[in-house]
Protein backbone atom coordinates (compact mmCIF):
# COMPACT_ATOMS: atom_id res chain seq x y z
CA UNK A 1 38.36 -10.27 10.12
CA UNK A 2 38.67 -8.46 6.80
CA UNK A 3 35.56 -7.36 5.20
CA UNK A 4 36.51 -9.64 2.29
CA UNK A 5 36.67 -12.69 4.05
CA UNK A 6 35.16 -14.90 1.12
CA UNK A 7 37.51 -13.30 -1.64
CA UNK A 8 38.94 -16.34 -2.87
CA UNK A 9 35.78 -18.86 -2.19
CA UNK A 10 33.62 -17.82 -5.82
CA UNK A 11 30.70 -19.59 -4.31
CA UNK A 12 30.46 -17.38 -1.03
CA UNK A 13 31.12 -14.06 -3.14
CA UNK A 14 28.71 -14.97 -5.43
CA UNK A 15 26.45 -15.27 -2.44
CA UNK A 16 27.60 -11.77 -1.33
CA UNK A 17 26.53 -10.20 -4.52
CA UNK A 18 23.35 -11.61 -5.49
CA UNK A 19 22.89 -10.73 -1.73
CA UNK A 20 23.59 -7.34 -2.11
CA UNK A 21 21.92 -6.74 -5.34
CA UNK A 22 18.56 -8.30 -3.72
CA UNK A 23 19.21 -5.60 -0.96
CA UNK A 24 19.96 -2.35 -3.32
CA UNK A 25 16.89 -3.47 -5.26
CA UNK A 26 14.16 -0.67 -5.70
CA UNK A 27 12.00 -1.83 -8.64
CA UNK A 28 9.32 -5.15 -8.21
CA UNK A 29 6.48 -5.25 -5.66
CA UNK A 30 3.11 -6.46 -5.16
CA UNK A 31 0.91 -4.15 -3.30
CA UNK A 32 -2.03 -3.04 -0.89
CA UNK A 33 -3.08 0.16 -1.44
CA UNK A 34 -5.93 1.91 0.63
CA UNK A 35 -8.28 4.81 0.74
CA UNK A 36 -7.98 6.35 4.76
CA UNK A 37 -12.09 7.26 4.64
CA UNK A 38 -13.31 4.03 3.79
CA UNK A 39 -11.84 0.67 5.84
CA UNK A 40 -13.76 -1.79 4.49
CA UNK A 41 -12.08 -0.93 0.61
CA UNK A 42 -8.40 -1.86 -0.12
CA UNK A 43 -6.26 -1.92 -3.55
CA UNK A 44 -4.17 -5.04 -4.62
CA UNK A 45 -1.65 -4.00 -7.01
CA UNK A 46 1.30 -5.31 -8.91
CA UNK A 47 3.73 -2.90 -10.21
CA UNK A 48 7.70 -3.66 -12.08
CA UNK A 49 8.62 0.20 -11.30
CA UNK A 50 9.02 1.19 -8.39
CA UNK A 51 7.36 0.99 -5.54
CA UNK A 52 7.63 4.50 -5.11
CA UNK A 53 5.25 4.58 -8.37
CA UNK A 54 2.43 3.77 -6.44
CA UNK A 55 2.51 6.12 -3.33
CA UNK A 56 0.32 7.59 -4.16
CA UNK A 57 -3.41 8.29 -6.80
CA UNK A 58 -4.02 12.55 -7.97
CA UNK A 59 -7.51 11.20 -8.82
CA UNK A 60 -8.33 10.08 -4.52
CA UNK A 61 -6.28 11.93 -2.35
CA UNK A 62 -7.71 9.63 0.30
CA UNK A 63 -5.47 6.70 -1.34
CA UNK A 64 -2.44 5.06 0.80
CA UNK A 65 0.06 2.37 0.69
CA UNK A 66 -0.61 -0.55 3.61
CA UNK A 67 2.30 -1.98 3.05
CA UNK A 68 4.63 -3.27 0.03
CA UNK A 69 5.99 -7.07 -0.60
CA UNK A 70 9.86 -7.13 -2.80
CA UNK A 71 9.69 -9.46 -5.86
CA UNK A 72 12.52 -11.06 -6.26
CA UNK A 73 15.35 -8.98 -8.53
CA UNK A 74 15.80 -9.87 -11.79
CA UNK A 75 12.59 -12.03 -11.77
CA UNK A 76 11.32 -11.04 -15.71
CA UNK A 77 7.95 -8.33 -15.80
CA UNK A 78 6.27 -10.94 -18.46
CA UNK A 79 6.89 -13.67 -15.71
CA UNK A 80 5.64 -11.01 -12.75
CA UNK A 81 2.48 -10.85 -15.17
CA UNK A 82 2.05 -14.19 -16.28
CA UNK A 83 2.28 -15.25 -12.37
CA UNK A 84 -0.23 -12.72 -11.81
CA UNK A 85 -2.76 -13.72 -14.55
CA UNK A 86 -2.63 -17.86 -13.28
CA UNK A 87 -3.27 -16.48 -9.20
CA UNK A 88 -7.45 -15.21 -10.61
């Protein structure tokens, strides 16, 4: 079967391209960071940039990321921050 099995079917092509866009996106994350010295402290954060921007902290060399959750590509930063504010 050809890799372009979706050609000629605009719905399948759209879904395929959208899936690729989501998989290739590196911006927009909700993340949990921890201080490896203090197991009772964690930070839940949000960034509309790359997760790498939150991977370390020069003010606290013991800070590291525990995990990150991808925000869907294409969601406007204002919408992301609006959702953050409404959840507090």
